[in-house]
Amino acid sequence: MPKQVVIVGAGRQGRNVAEILEVSPATFPIAGFLDDGKAFGEVVLAWPVLGSLDRLDDPAFVDHHAWFVALGANDLRQRIGRRLRDADATIVNAIHPNTDVSPHAEIGVGIYMAAYAHVGSGSQVGDWALLEGSSFIGSDAVVGTAASLGPTCVLTGGASVGDLSAIGAGTVIVNGIRVGSGAIVAANAAVVRDVPDGARVQGVPARIVPLSPD
């Protein structure tokens, strides 16, 4: 019997993941959720909350299940994902059956891909990345570890998004352009120049938004 999946997080992202796992062929059955903000036994969609994130401290519980970390915060998703990986946990992907992923793309673990996402030949998608619906990753593009792409984002050929970066819905990143690690790109931006690590950009063309003084 395959291990049942525990989904870490029973909010919006967790519900989306559960629905994908439910309809995906050859996937693991769902055991339920862990969530610090919900009561033990509470039912979310059709599955119970199995407890808080404290259950990650139980090696037997971790080993008995497969895992998906469904948290919207990139840094938290990466931190818990790494904790599970370091514990040799079984980590699954949640990839909608209506995605189009090249057999010549390199795909990590713990990845979420919503319906109609496309990943082209030679591209790389890092562990715990989050690709919302209709996002387009062109050939030889790179999505870093625990990065997130909103709906209908486009990375054209050779573009890259660094680890932990967040790309807003409808953004286009043109050929060969690099968005650094930990950057934030506002929705509907057109990124035509490289974006430094940790920068926030917006607009058409995208420009750096100065940080407000404390």
N, C-alpha and C. Protein backbone atom coordinates (compact mmCIF):
# COMPACT_ATOMS: atom_id res chain seq x y z
N MET A 1 0.85 -1.19 0.00
CA MET A 1 0.00 0.00 0.00
C MET A 1 0.88 1.24 0.00
N PRO A 2 0.54 2.25 -0.83
CA PRO A 2 1.33 3.49 -0.81
C PRO A 2 1.09 4.26 0.48
N LYS A 3 2.08 5.05 0.84
CA LYS A 3 1.91 5.91 2.00
C LYS A 3 0.83 6.95 1.71
N GLN A 4 0.09 7.31 2.73
CA GLN A 4 -0.88 8.39 2.61
C GLN A 4 -0.18 9.74 2.80
N VAL A 5 -0.66 10.74 2.08
CA VAL A 5 -0.04 12.06 2.12
C VAL A 5 -0.64 12.89 3.24
N VAL A 6 0.24 13.52 4.02
CA VAL A 6 -0.17 14.57 4.94
C VAL A 6 0.20 15.90 4.30
N ILE A 7 -0.77 16.81 4.23
CA ILE A 7 -0.56 18.14 3.66
C ILE A 7 -0.34 19.11 4.80
N VAL A 8 0.80 19.78 4.80
CA VAL A 8 1.11 20.76 5.83
C VAL A 8 0.48 22.09 5.43
N GLY A 9 -0.55 22.48 6.15
CA GLY A 9 -1.30 23.68 5.83
C GLY A 9 -2.66 23.34 5.27
N ALA A 10 -3.72 23.81 5.94
CA ALA A 10 -5.09 23.50 5.53
C ALA A 10 -5.82 24.76 5.05
N GLY A 11 -5.05 25.78 4.66
CA GLY A 11 -5.65 26.99 4.12
C GLY A 11 -5.90 26.88 2.63
N ARG A 12 -5.89 28.02 1.97
CA ARG A 12 -6.20 28.05 0.54
C ARG A 12 -5.25 27.16 -0.26
N GLN A 13 -3.96 27.28 0.02
CA GLN A 13 -3.00 26.48 -0.73
C GLN A 13 -3.16 24.99 -0.44
N GLY A 14 -3.41 24.66 0.80
CA GLY A 14 -3.62 23.26 1.14
C GLY A 14 -4.83 22.66 0.44
N ARG A 15 -5.90 23.44 0.37
CA ARG A 15 -7.10 22.94 -0.32
C ARG A 15 -6.81 22.73 -1.81
N ASN A 16 -6.07 23.67 -2.41
CA ASN A 16 -5.72 23.51 -3.83
C ASN A 16 -4.89 22.26 -4.06
N VAL A 17 -3.94 22.01 -3.17
CA VAL A 17 -3.10 20.83 -3.29
C VAL A 17 -3.94 19.56 -3.16
N ALA A 18 -4.83 19.53 -2.17
CA ALA A 18 -5.67 18.35 -1.97
C ALA A 18 -6.50 18.05 -3.22
N GLU A 19 -7.04 19.06 -3.84
CA GLU A 19 -7.86 18.83 -5.02
C GLU A 19 -7.04 18.28 -6.18
N ILE A 20 -5.78 18.75 -6.31
CA ILE A 20 -4.92 18.21 -7.36
C ILE A 20 -4.56 16.76 -7.06
N LEU A 21 -4.16 16.47 -5.83
CA LEU A 21 -3.80 15.09 -5.49
C LEU A 21 -4.98 14.15 -5.68
N GLU A 22 -6.17 14.65 -5.43
CA GLU A 22 -7.37 13.80 -5.55
C GLU A 22 -7.62 13.37 -6.99
N VAL A 23 -7.31 14.25 -7.95
CA VAL A 23 -7.62 13.94 -9.35
C VAL A 23 -6.43 13.45 -10.14
N SER A 24 -5.23 13.48 -9.55
CA SER A 24 -4.04 13.08 -10.28
C SER A 24 -3.92 11.56 -10.32
N PRO A 25 -3.58 11.01 -11.48
CA PRO A 25 -3.41 9.55 -11.55
C PRO A 25 -2.14 9.11 -10.84
N ALA A 26 -2.14 7.88 -10.37
CA ALA A 26 -0.95 7.25 -9.77
C ALA A 26 -0.35 8.09 -8.65
N THR A 27 -1.20 8.70 -7.87
CA THR A 27 -0.70 9.52 -6.78
C THR A 27 -0.97 8.81 -5.45
N PHE A 28 -0.53 9.42 -4.37
CA PHE A 28 -0.73 8.87 -3.04
C PHE A 28 -2.10 9.29 -2.51
N PRO A 29 -2.80 8.43 -1.78
CA PRO A 29 -4.05 8.85 -1.14
C PRO A 29 -3.76 9.87 -0.04
N ILE A 30 -4.75 10.67 0.29
CA ILE A 30 -4.59 11.75 1.26
C ILE A 30 -5.01 11.26 2.64
N ALA A 31 -4.15 11.48 3.64
CA ALA A 31 -4.49 11.16 5.03
C ALA A 31 -5.20 12.32 5.69
N GLY A 32 -4.74 13.55 5.42
CA GLY A 32 -5.31 14.73 6.05
C GLY A 32 -4.30 15.85 6.10
N PHE A 33 -4.53 16.79 7.01
CA PHE A 33 -3.75 18.02 7.09
C PHE A 33 -3.10 18.17 8.46
N LEU A 34 -2.01 18.93 8.50
CA LEU A 34 -1.52 19.52 9.74
C LEU A 34 -1.71 21.02 9.65
N ASP A 35 -2.19 21.62 10.71
CA ASP A 35 -2.42 23.07 10.69
C ASP A 35 -2.48 23.59 12.12
N ASP A 36 -1.67 24.60 12.42
CA ASP A 36 -1.65 25.17 13.77
C ASP A 36 -2.92 25.95 14.11
N GLY A 37 -3.67 26.35 13.09
CA GLY A 37 -4.81 27.20 13.33
C GLY A 37 -6.16 26.51 13.30
N LYS A 38 -6.15 25.19 13.19
CA LYS A 38 -7.42 24.45 13.12
C LYS A 38 -7.45 23.35 14.18
N ALA A 39 -8.64 22.99 14.58
CA ALA A 39 -8.81 21.99 15.64
C ALA A 39 -8.56 20.58 15.12
N PHE A 40 -8.01 19.74 15.99
CA PHE A 40 -7.85 18.34 15.67
C PHE A 40 -9.21 17.73 15.30
N GLY A 41 -9.24 17.01 14.18
CA GLY A 41 -10.47 16.36 13.73
C GLY A 41 -11.35 17.21 12.85
N GLU A 42 -11.08 18.53 12.77
CA GLU A 42 -11.86 19.38 11.88
C GLU A 42 -11.70 18.89 10.45
N VAL A 43 -12.78 18.87 9.69
CA VAL A 43 -12.74 18.37 8.32
C VAL A 43 -12.57 19.55 7.35
N VAL A 44 -11.60 19.43 6.50
CA VAL A 44 -11.34 20.42 5.45
C VAL A 44 -11.52 19.71 4.12
N LEU A 45 -12.46 20.20 3.31
CA LEU A 45 -12.92 19.48 2.13
C LEU A 45 -13.41 18.10 2.60
N ALA A 46 -12.69 17.03 2.32
CA ALA A 46 -13.15 15.71 2.75
C ALA A 46 -12.18 15.04 3.70
N TRP A 47 -11.19 15.79 4.24
CA TRP A 47 -10.12 15.16 5.01
C TRP A 47 -9.93 15.84 6.36
N PRO A 48 -9.51 15.08 7.37
CA PRO A 48 -9.42 15.63 8.72
C PRO A 48 -8.11 16.36 8.97
N VAL A 49 -8.16 17.28 9.92
CA VAL A 49 -6.94 17.86 10.47
C VAL A 49 -6.39 16.86 11.49
N LEU A 50 -5.15 16.46 11.28
CA LEU A 50 -4.53 15.41 12.09
C LEU A 50 -3.74 15.96 13.27
N GLY A 51 -3.73 17.28 13.39
CA GLY A 51 -3.01 17.90 14.49
C GLY A 51 -2.27 19.13 14.02
N SER A 52 -1.44 19.66 14.90
CA SER A 52 -0.64 20.85 14.60
C SER A 52 0.70 20.44 13.99
N LEU A 53 1.51 21.43 13.65
CA LEU A 53 2.83 21.14 13.09
C LEU A 53 3.76 20.49 14.11
N ASP A 54 3.35 20.44 15.37
CA ASP A 54 4.14 19.72 16.38
C ASP A 54 4.29 18.24 16.03
N ARG A 55 3.39 17.72 15.21
CA ARG A 55 3.48 16.30 14.86
C ARG A 55 4.69 16.01 13.98
N LEU A 56 5.30 17.05 13.45
CA LEU A 56 6.55 16.87 12.71
C LEU A 56 7.69 16.43 13.62
N ASP A 57 7.50 16.59 14.93
CA ASP A 57 8.52 16.17 15.91
C ASP A 57 8.48 14.66 16.17
N ASP A 58 7.50 13.97 15.60
CA ASP A 58 7.34 12.53 15.83
C ASP A 58 7.94 11.77 14.64
N PRO A 59 9.15 11.21 14.80
CA PRO A 59 9.79 10.54 13.66
C PRO A 59 8.96 9.40 13.07
N ALA A 60 8.25 8.66 13.90
CA ALA A 60 7.44 7.55 13.38
C ALA A 60 6.29 8.06 12.52
N PHE A 61 5.66 9.16 12.96
CA PHE A 61 4.57 9.74 12.19
C PHE A 61 5.09 10.26 10.85
N VAL A 62 6.25 10.91 10.88
CA VAL A 62 6.83 11.43 9.64
C VAL A 62 7.15 10.30 8.68
N ASP A 63 7.76 9.24 9.18
CA ASP A 63 8.16 8.13 8.32
C ASP A 63 6.97 7.36 7.77
N HIS A 64 5.88 7.33 8.52
CA HIS A 64 4.70 6.54 8.12
C HIS A 64 3.94 7.17 6.96
N HIS A 65 4.15 8.48 6.72
CA HIS A 65 3.38 9.19 5.72
C HIS A 65 4.27 9.75 4.61
N ALA A 66 3.63 10.12 3.51
CA ALA A 66 4.25 10.98 2.50
C ALA A 66 3.82 12.42 2.81
N TRP A 67 4.51 13.40 2.19
CA TRP A 67 4.34 14.78 2.63
C TRP A 67 4.28 15.77 1.47
N PHE A 68 3.45 16.80 1.69
CA PHE A 68 3.46 17.98 0.82
C PHE A 68 3.30 19.21 1.71
N VAL A 69 4.19 20.19 1.52
CA VAL A 69 4.14 21.43 2.29
C VAL A 69 3.38 22.47 1.47
N ALA A 70 2.19 22.83 1.93
CA ALA A 70 1.29 23.71 1.19
C ALA A 70 1.13 25.04 1.93
N LEU A 71 2.22 25.77 2.04
CA LEU A 71 2.21 27.06 2.72
C LEU A 71 2.62 28.14 1.74
N GLY A 72 1.87 29.25 1.73
CA GLY A 72 2.12 30.29 0.75
C GLY A 72 3.39 31.08 0.98
N ALA A 73 3.86 31.18 2.22
CA ALA A 73 5.07 31.93 2.52
C ALA A 73 6.29 31.14 2.04
N ASN A 74 7.03 31.71 1.11
CA ASN A 74 8.12 30.96 0.49
C ASN A 74 9.16 30.47 1.50
N ASP A 75 9.55 31.34 2.42
CA ASP A 75 10.60 30.96 3.36
C ASP A 75 10.14 29.85 4.30
N LEU A 76 8.90 29.92 4.74
CA LEU A 76 8.38 28.89 5.64
C LEU A 76 8.22 27.57 4.90
N ARG A 77 7.75 27.63 3.67
CA ARG A 77 7.60 26.41 2.86
C ARG A 77 8.96 25.73 2.67
N GLN A 78 9.97 26.53 2.40
CA GLN A 78 11.31 25.96 2.22
C GLN A 78 11.84 25.37 3.53
N ARG A 79 11.64 26.09 4.63
CA ARG A 79 12.19 25.64 5.90
C ARG A 79 11.59 24.30 6.32
N ILE A 80 10.26 24.17 6.21
CA ILE A 80 9.63 22.92 6.61
C ILE A 80 9.95 21.82 5.60
N GLY A 81 10.01 22.19 4.32
CA GLY A 81 10.38 21.20 3.31
C GLY A 81 11.76 20.63 3.56
N ARG A 82 12.71 21.49 3.88
CA ARG A 82 14.06 21.00 4.18
C ARG A 82 14.09 20.13 5.43
N ARG A 83 13.29 20.50 6.41
CA ARG A 83 13.22 19.69 7.63
C ARG A 83 12.74 18.29 7.30
N LEU A 84 11.74 18.18 6.46
CA LEU A 84 11.24 16.87 6.08
C LEU A 84 12.25 16.10 5.24
N ARG A 85 12.90 16.81 4.32
CA ARG A 85 13.92 16.14 3.51
C ARG A 85 15.05 15.61 4.38
N ASP A 86 15.49 16.42 5.34
CA ASP A 86 16.57 15.99 6.22
C ASP A 86 16.18 14.79 7.08
N ALA A 87 14.87 14.62 7.28
CA ALA A 87 14.38 13.45 8.03
C ALA A 87 14.13 12.25 7.11
N ASP A 88 14.57 12.36 5.84
CA ASP A 88 14.37 11.29 4.85
C ASP A 88 12.90 10.97 4.62
N ALA A 89 12.05 11.98 4.76
CA ALA A 89 10.62 11.80 4.50
C ALA A 89 10.36 11.63 3.01
N THR A 90 9.27 10.97 2.70
CA THR A 90 8.79 10.86 1.32
C THR A 90 8.06 12.16 0.98
N ILE A 91 8.55 12.89 -0.01
CA ILE A 91 7.97 14.18 -0.39
C ILE A 91 7.40 14.05 -1.80
N VAL A 92 6.16 14.44 -1.98
CA VAL A 92 5.48 14.28 -3.27
C VAL A 92 5.31 15.63 -3.95
N ASN A 93 5.01 15.58 -5.24
CA ASN A 93 4.63 16.75 -6.01
C ASN A 93 3.12 16.79 -6.18
N ALA A 94 2.58 17.99 -6.35
CA ALA A 94 1.17 18.18 -6.68
C ALA A 94 1.11 18.87 -8.03
N ILE A 95 1.02 18.08 -9.07
CA ILE A 95 1.05 18.58 -10.44
C ILE A 95 -0.26 18.21 -11.11
N HIS A 96 -1.02 19.21 -11.49
CA HIS A 96 -2.33 18.98 -12.09
C HIS A 96 -2.18 18.19 -13.39
N PRO A 97 -3.08 17.25 -13.67
CA PRO A 97 -2.96 16.46 -14.89
C PRO A 97 -3.08 17.27 -16.17
N ASN A 98 -3.60 18.49 -16.09
CA ASN A 98 -3.70 19.33 -17.29
C ASN A 98 -2.48 20.24 -17.48
N THR A 99 -1.38 19.98 -16.80
CA THR A 99 -0.15 20.72 -17.08
C THR A 99 0.56 20.12 -18.29
N ASP A 100 1.53 20.88 -18.80
CA ASP A 100 2.33 20.44 -19.95
C ASP A 100 3.80 20.59 -19.55
N VAL A 101 4.39 19.49 -19.10
CA VAL A 101 5.76 19.51 -18.60
C VAL A 101 6.64 18.70 -19.55
N SER A 102 7.66 19.34 -20.10
CA SER A 102 8.55 18.64 -21.02
C SER A 102 9.24 17.47 -20.31
N PRO A 103 9.39 16.34 -20.98
CA PRO A 103 10.16 15.25 -20.38
C PRO A 103 11.64 15.58 -20.24
N HIS A 104 12.04 16.68 -20.86
CA HIS A 104 13.44 17.11 -20.80
C HIS A 104 13.63 18.29 -19.85
N ALA A 105 12.63 18.56 -19.02
CA ALA A 105 12.77 19.55 -17.95
C ALA A 105 13.22 18.85 -16.68
N GLU A 106 13.86 19.61 -15.80
CA GLU A 106 14.34 19.07 -14.52
C GLU A 106 13.42 19.59 -13.42
N ILE A 107 12.72 18.68 -12.76
CA ILE A 107 11.70 19.03 -11.78
C ILE A 107 12.13 18.52 -10.40
N GLY A 108 12.06 19.39 -9.40
CA GLY A 108 12.43 19.01 -8.05
C GLY A 108 11.31 18.30 -7.31
N VAL A 109 11.32 18.41 -5.99
CA VAL A 109 10.32 17.76 -5.15
C VAL A 109 9.50 18.81 -4.40
N GLY A 110 8.31 18.41 -3.96
CA GLY A 110 7.45 19.33 -3.23
C GLY A 110 6.90 20.45 -4.07
N ILE A 111 6.79 20.23 -5.36
CA ILE A 111 6.39 21.28 -6.31
C ILE A 111 4.88 21.28 -6.51
N TYR A 112 4.32 22.48 -6.58
CA TYR A 112 2.90 22.67 -6.89
C TYR A 112 2.80 23.29 -8.29
N MET A 113 2.05 22.64 -9.17
CA MET A 113 1.74 23.20 -10.49
C MET A 113 0.25 23.10 -10.72
N ALA A 114 -0.38 24.25 -10.87
CA ALA A 114 -1.82 24.28 -11.12
C ALA A 114 -2.13 24.01 -12.60
N ALA A 115 -3.40 23.93 -12.90
CA ALA A 115 -3.84 23.57 -14.25
C ALA A 115 -3.28 24.51 -15.30
N TYR A 116 -2.89 23.92 -16.42
CA TYR A 116 -2.44 24.61 -17.63
C TYR A 116 -1.09 25.30 -17.48
N ALA A 117 -0.35 24.99 -16.44
CA ALA A 117 1.04 25.44 -16.39
C ALA A 117 1.82 24.71 -17.48
N HIS A 118 2.85 25.40 -17.99
CA HIS A 118 3.71 24.82 -19.03
C HIS A 118 5.15 24.97 -18.60
N VAL A 119 5.93 23.90 -18.75
CA VAL A 119 7.36 23.92 -18.45
C VAL A 119 8.08 23.37 -19.67
N GLY A 120 8.93 24.20 -20.27
CA GLY A 120 9.56 23.85 -21.54
C GLY A 120 10.82 23.02 -21.40
N SER A 121 11.30 22.57 -22.53
CA SER A 121 12.48 21.72 -22.60
C SER A 121 13.71 22.43 -22.04
N GLY A 122 14.49 21.70 -21.26
CA GLY A 122 15.72 22.24 -20.71
C GLY A 122 15.53 23.14 -19.51
N SER A 123 14.30 23.34 -19.07
CA SER A 123 14.03 24.21 -17.93
C SER A 123 14.25 23.47 -16.62
N GLN A 124 14.42 24.26 -15.55
CA GLN A 124 14.59 23.70 -14.21
C GLN A 124 13.59 24.35 -13.27
N VAL A 125 12.94 23.53 -12.47
CA VAL A 125 12.02 24.02 -11.44
C VAL A 125 12.50 23.46 -10.11
N GLY A 126 12.89 24.33 -9.20
CA GLY A 126 13.51 23.91 -7.95
C GLY A 126 12.52 23.36 -6.95
N ASP A 127 13.06 22.69 -5.94
CA ASP A 127 12.24 22.12 -4.88
C ASP A 127 11.32 23.18 -4.27
N TRP A 128 10.11 22.77 -3.94
CA TRP A 128 9.11 23.57 -3.23
C TRP A 128 8.68 24.83 -3.99
N ALA A 129 8.91 24.84 -5.30
CA ALA A 129 8.41 25.96 -6.11
C ALA A 129 6.91 25.86 -6.26
N LEU A 130 6.28 26.99 -6.49
CA LEU A 130 4.83 27.09 -6.60
C LEU A 130 4.50 27.80 -7.91
N LEU A 131 3.84 27.10 -8.83
CA LEU A 131 3.47 27.65 -10.13
C LEU A 131 1.95 27.64 -10.24
N GLU A 132 1.36 28.82 -10.24
CA GLU A 132 -0.09 28.91 -10.33
C GLU A 132 -0.57 28.68 -11.76
N GLY A 133 -1.89 28.66 -11.92
CA GLY A 133 -2.51 28.27 -13.17
C GLY A 133 -2.07 29.10 -14.37
N SER A 134 -1.84 28.40 -15.49
CA SER A 134 -1.49 29.00 -16.78
C SER A 134 -0.15 29.74 -16.76
N SER A 135 0.69 29.48 -15.76
CA SER A 135 2.04 30.03 -15.81
C SER A 135 2.81 29.31 -16.91
N PHE A 136 3.73 30.06 -17.54
CA PHE A 136 4.45 29.55 -18.71
C PHE A 136 5.94 29.69 -18.46
N ILE A 137 6.64 28.56 -18.42
CA ILE A 137 8.08 28.53 -18.23
C ILE A 137 8.68 28.08 -19.55
N GLY A 138 9.33 29.00 -20.25
CA GLY A 138 9.87 28.70 -21.56
C GLY A 138 11.09 27.80 -21.50
N SER A 139 11.60 27.43 -22.65
CA SER A 139 12.75 26.55 -22.72
C SER A 139 13.96 27.18 -22.05
N ASP A 140 14.71 26.34 -21.33
CA ASP A 140 15.96 26.74 -20.68
C ASP A 140 15.76 27.81 -19.62
N ALA A 141 14.57 27.97 -19.11
CA ALA A 141 14.31 28.91 -18.03
C ALA A 141 14.50 28.21 -16.68
N VAL A 142 14.65 29.01 -15.63
CA VAL A 142 14.92 28.47 -14.30
C VAL A 142 13.99 29.11 -13.29
N VAL A 143 13.34 28.28 -12.49
CA VAL A 143 12.55 28.73 -11.34
C VAL A 143 13.26 28.18 -10.10
N GLY A 144 13.71 29.07 -9.22
CA GLY A 144 14.53 28.67 -8.09
C GLY A 144 13.75 27.97 -6.99
N THR A 145 14.51 27.50 -6.01
CA THR A 145 13.95 26.80 -4.86
C THR A 145 12.96 27.68 -4.11
N ALA A 146 11.79 27.15 -3.85
CA ALA A 146 10.74 27.82 -3.06
C ALA A 146 10.34 29.17 -3.64
N ALA A 147 10.55 29.38 -4.93
CA ALA A 147 10.01 30.57 -5.59
C ALA A 147 8.52 30.35 -5.86
N SER A 148 7.80 31.46 -6.05
CA SER A 148 6.37 31.35 -6.37
C SER A 148 6.03 32.24 -7.55
N LEU A 149 5.23 31.70 -8.46
CA LEU A 149 4.79 32.40 -9.65
C LEU A 149 3.27 32.47 -9.65
N GLY A 150 2.72 33.67 -9.76
CA GLY A 150 1.28 33.84 -9.79
C GLY A 150 0.68 33.38 -11.10
N PRO A 151 -0.66 33.40 -11.19
CA PRO A 151 -1.33 32.95 -12.40
C PRO A 151 -0.88 33.74 -13.63
N THR A 152 -0.75 33.04 -14.73
CA THR A 152 -0.43 33.57 -16.07
C THR A 152 0.92 34.27 -16.15
N CYS A 153 1.82 34.00 -15.21
CA CYS A 153 3.19 34.50 -15.35
C CYS A 153 3.85 33.87 -16.57
N VAL A 154 4.78 34.62 -17.19
CA VAL A 154 5.52 34.11 -18.34
C VAL A 154 7.00 34.34 -18.12
N LEU A 155 7.78 33.26 -18.16
CA LEU A 155 9.23 33.34 -18.24
C LEU A 155 9.60 32.87 -19.63
N THR A 156 10.09 33.78 -20.47
CA THR A 156 10.46 33.38 -21.82
C THR A 156 11.83 32.71 -21.79
N GLY A 157 12.29 32.26 -22.95
CA GLY A 157 13.46 31.40 -23.01
C GLY A 157 14.67 31.94 -22.26
N GLY A 158 15.23 31.11 -21.41
CA GLY A 158 16.45 31.46 -20.71
C GLY A 158 16.28 32.41 -19.54
N ALA A 159 15.08 32.85 -19.24
CA ALA A 159 14.85 33.73 -18.09
C ALA A 159 14.99 32.91 -16.80
N SER A 160 15.24 33.61 -15.69
CA SER A 160 15.39 32.88 -14.43
C SER A 160 14.83 33.69 -13.28
N VAL A 161 14.32 32.95 -12.31
CA VAL A 161 13.79 33.52 -11.06
C VAL A 161 14.54 32.85 -9.92
N GLY A 162 15.13 33.66 -9.03
CA GLY A 162 15.95 33.13 -7.96
C GLY A 162 15.17 32.50 -6.84
N ASP A 163 15.90 31.83 -5.96
CA ASP A 163 15.30 31.18 -4.80
C ASP A 163 14.48 32.18 -3.98
N LEU A 164 13.31 31.72 -3.53
CA LEU A 164 12.45 32.47 -2.59
C LEU A 164 11.83 33.73 -3.18
N SER A 165 11.96 33.95 -4.47
CA SER A 165 11.35 35.13 -5.07
C SER A 165 9.86 34.92 -5.31
N ALA A 166 9.12 36.01 -5.34
CA ALA A 166 7.67 35.97 -5.54
C ALA A 166 7.32 36.82 -6.75
N ILE A 167 6.70 36.21 -7.75
CA ILE A 167 6.38 36.88 -9.00
C ILE A 167 4.87 37.02 -9.10
N GLY A 168 4.39 38.25 -9.21
CA GLY A 168 2.96 38.51 -9.22
C GLY A 168 2.26 38.05 -10.48
N ALA A 169 0.96 37.92 -10.38
CA ALA A 169 0.14 37.43 -11.49
C ALA A 169 0.32 38.29 -12.73
N GLY A 170 0.38 37.64 -13.88
CA GLY A 170 0.42 38.34 -15.15
C GLY A 170 1.76 38.95 -15.52
N THR A 171 2.79 38.69 -14.76
CA THR A 171 4.11 39.26 -15.04
C THR A 171 4.77 38.53 -16.20
N VAL A 172 5.52 39.29 -17.01
CA VAL A 172 6.32 38.72 -18.09
C VAL A 172 7.79 39.04 -17.83
N ILE A 173 8.62 38.02 -17.85
CA ILE A 173 10.07 38.17 -17.71
C ILE A 173 10.68 37.73 -19.03
N VAL A 174 11.35 38.67 -19.73
CA VAL A 174 11.75 38.42 -21.11
C VAL A 174 13.03 37.58 -21.19
N ASN A 175 13.35 37.18 -22.42
CA ASN A 175 14.45 36.24 -22.67
C ASN A 175 15.72 36.60 -21.93
N GLY A 176 16.26 35.63 -21.21
CA GLY A 176 17.57 35.77 -20.62
C GLY A 176 17.67 36.67 -19.41
N ILE A 177 16.56 37.26 -18.97
CA ILE A 177 16.59 38.18 -17.83
C ILE A 177 16.59 37.39 -16.52
N ARG A 178 17.37 37.88 -15.56
CA ARG A 178 17.48 37.21 -14.26
C ARG A 178 16.80 38.04 -13.18
N VAL A 179 15.89 37.42 -12.45
CA VAL A 179 15.33 37.98 -11.23
C VAL A 179 16.07 37.33 -10.07
N GLY A 180 16.69 38.12 -9.21
CA GLY A 180 17.53 37.58 -8.16
C GLY A 180 16.75 36.86 -7.07
N SER A 181 17.49 36.36 -6.11
CA SER A 181 16.88 35.64 -4.99
C SER A 181 16.17 36.59 -4.04
N GLY A 182 15.05 36.14 -3.49
CA GLY A 182 14.33 36.93 -2.51
C GLY A 182 13.73 38.21 -3.05
N ALA A 183 13.56 38.30 -4.35
CA ALA A 183 12.97 39.50 -4.97
C ALA A 183 11.45 39.38 -4.99
N ILE A 184 10.79 40.53 -5.11
CA ILE A 184 9.34 40.59 -5.25
C ILE A 184 9.02 41.40 -6.51
N VAL A 185 8.25 40.80 -7.41
CA VAL A 185 7.83 41.47 -8.64
C VAL A 185 6.32 41.63 -8.58
N ALA A 186 5.86 42.88 -8.66
CA ALA A 186 4.43 43.16 -8.56
C ALA A 186 3.68 42.60 -9.77
N ALA A 187 2.38 42.42 -9.60
CA ALA A 187 1.54 41.87 -10.66
C ALA A 187 1.60 42.72 -11.92
N ASN A 188 1.53 42.03 -13.06
CA ASN A 188 1.43 42.64 -14.39
C ASN A 188 2.66 43.47 -14.77
N ALA A 189 3.80 43.17 -14.16
CA ALA A 189 5.03 43.86 -14.52
C ALA A 189 5.60 43.26 -15.81
N ALA A 190 6.42 44.06 -16.50
CA ALA A 190 7.20 43.58 -17.64
C ALA A 190 8.66 43.76 -17.27
N VAL A 191 9.34 42.65 -17.01
CA VAL A 191 10.72 42.69 -16.52
C VAL A 191 11.66 42.56 -17.71
N VAL A 192 12.33 43.65 -18.04
CA VAL A 192 13.21 43.69 -19.21
C VAL A 192 14.66 43.93 -18.82
N ARG A 193 14.91 44.11 -17.52
CA ARG A 193 16.28 44.26 -17.01
C ARG A 193 16.43 43.34 -15.80
N ASP A 194 17.67 42.91 -15.54
CA ASP A 194 17.93 42.05 -14.39
C ASP A 194 17.48 42.75 -13.10
N VAL A 195 16.97 41.95 -12.18
CA VAL A 195 16.49 42.45 -10.89
C VAL A 195 17.44 41.95 -9.81
N PRO A 196 18.01 42.85 -8.99
CA PRO A 196 18.96 42.41 -7.96
C PRO A 196 18.29 41.55 -6.88
N ASP A 197 19.11 40.79 -6.17
CA ASP A 197 18.62 40.03 -5.03
C ASP A 197 17.90 40.95 -4.04
N GLY A 198 16.75 40.51 -3.58
CA GLY A 198 16.03 41.23 -2.53
C GLY A 198 15.31 42.48 -2.97
N ALA A 199 15.35 42.80 -4.26
CA ALA A 199 14.70 44.03 -4.73
C ALA A 199 13.20 43.83 -4.91
N ARG A 200 12.48 44.96 -4.90
CA ARG A 200 11.06 44.96 -5.22
C ARG A 200 10.86 45.81 -6.45
N VAL A 201 10.19 45.26 -7.48
CA VAL A 201 10.00 46.00 -8.72
C VAL A 201 8.54 45.95 -9.14
N GLN A 202 8.17 46.95 -9.95
CA GLN A 202 6.81 46.99 -10.48
C GLN A 202 6.81 47.84 -11.73
N GLY A 203 5.74 47.71 -12.53
CA GLY A 203 5.52 48.59 -13.66
C GLY A 203 5.92 47.99 -15.00
N VAL A 204 5.67 48.80 -16.06
CA VAL A 204 5.96 48.42 -17.44
C VAL A 204 6.74 49.58 -18.09
N PRO A 205 8.06 49.44 -18.27
CA PRO A 205 8.88 48.32 -17.83
C PRO A 205 9.07 48.35 -16.31
N ALA A 206 9.43 47.22 -15.74
CA ALA A 206 9.57 47.13 -14.28
C ALA A 206 10.75 47.95 -13.80
N ARG A 207 10.53 48.69 -12.71
CA ARG A 207 11.58 49.50 -12.09
C ARG A 207 11.59 49.20 -10.58
N ILE A 208 12.75 49.39 -9.99
CA ILE A 208 12.88 49.15 -8.56
C ILE A 208 12.07 50.16 -7.77
N VAL A 209 11.35 49.65 -6.78
CA VAL A 209 10.58 50.49 -5.88
C VAL A 209 11.43 50.76 -4.64
N PRO A 210 11.77 52.02 -4.35
CA PRO A 210 12.59 52.29 -3.17
C PRO A 210 11.89 51.84 -1.89
N LEU A 211 12.66 51.29 -0.97
CA LEU A 211 12.10 50.87 0.30
C LEU A 211 11.79 52.10 1.14
N SER A 212 10.62 52.07 1.81
CA SER A 212 10.25 53.19 2.68
C SER A 212 11.11 53.18 3.94
N PRO A 213 11.51 54.35 4.43
CA PRO A 213 12.29 54.38 5.68
C PRO A 213 11.45 53.92 6.85
N ASP A 214 12.08 53.31 7.84
CA ASP A 214 11.37 52.84 9.03
C ASP A 214 10.87 54.04 9.84
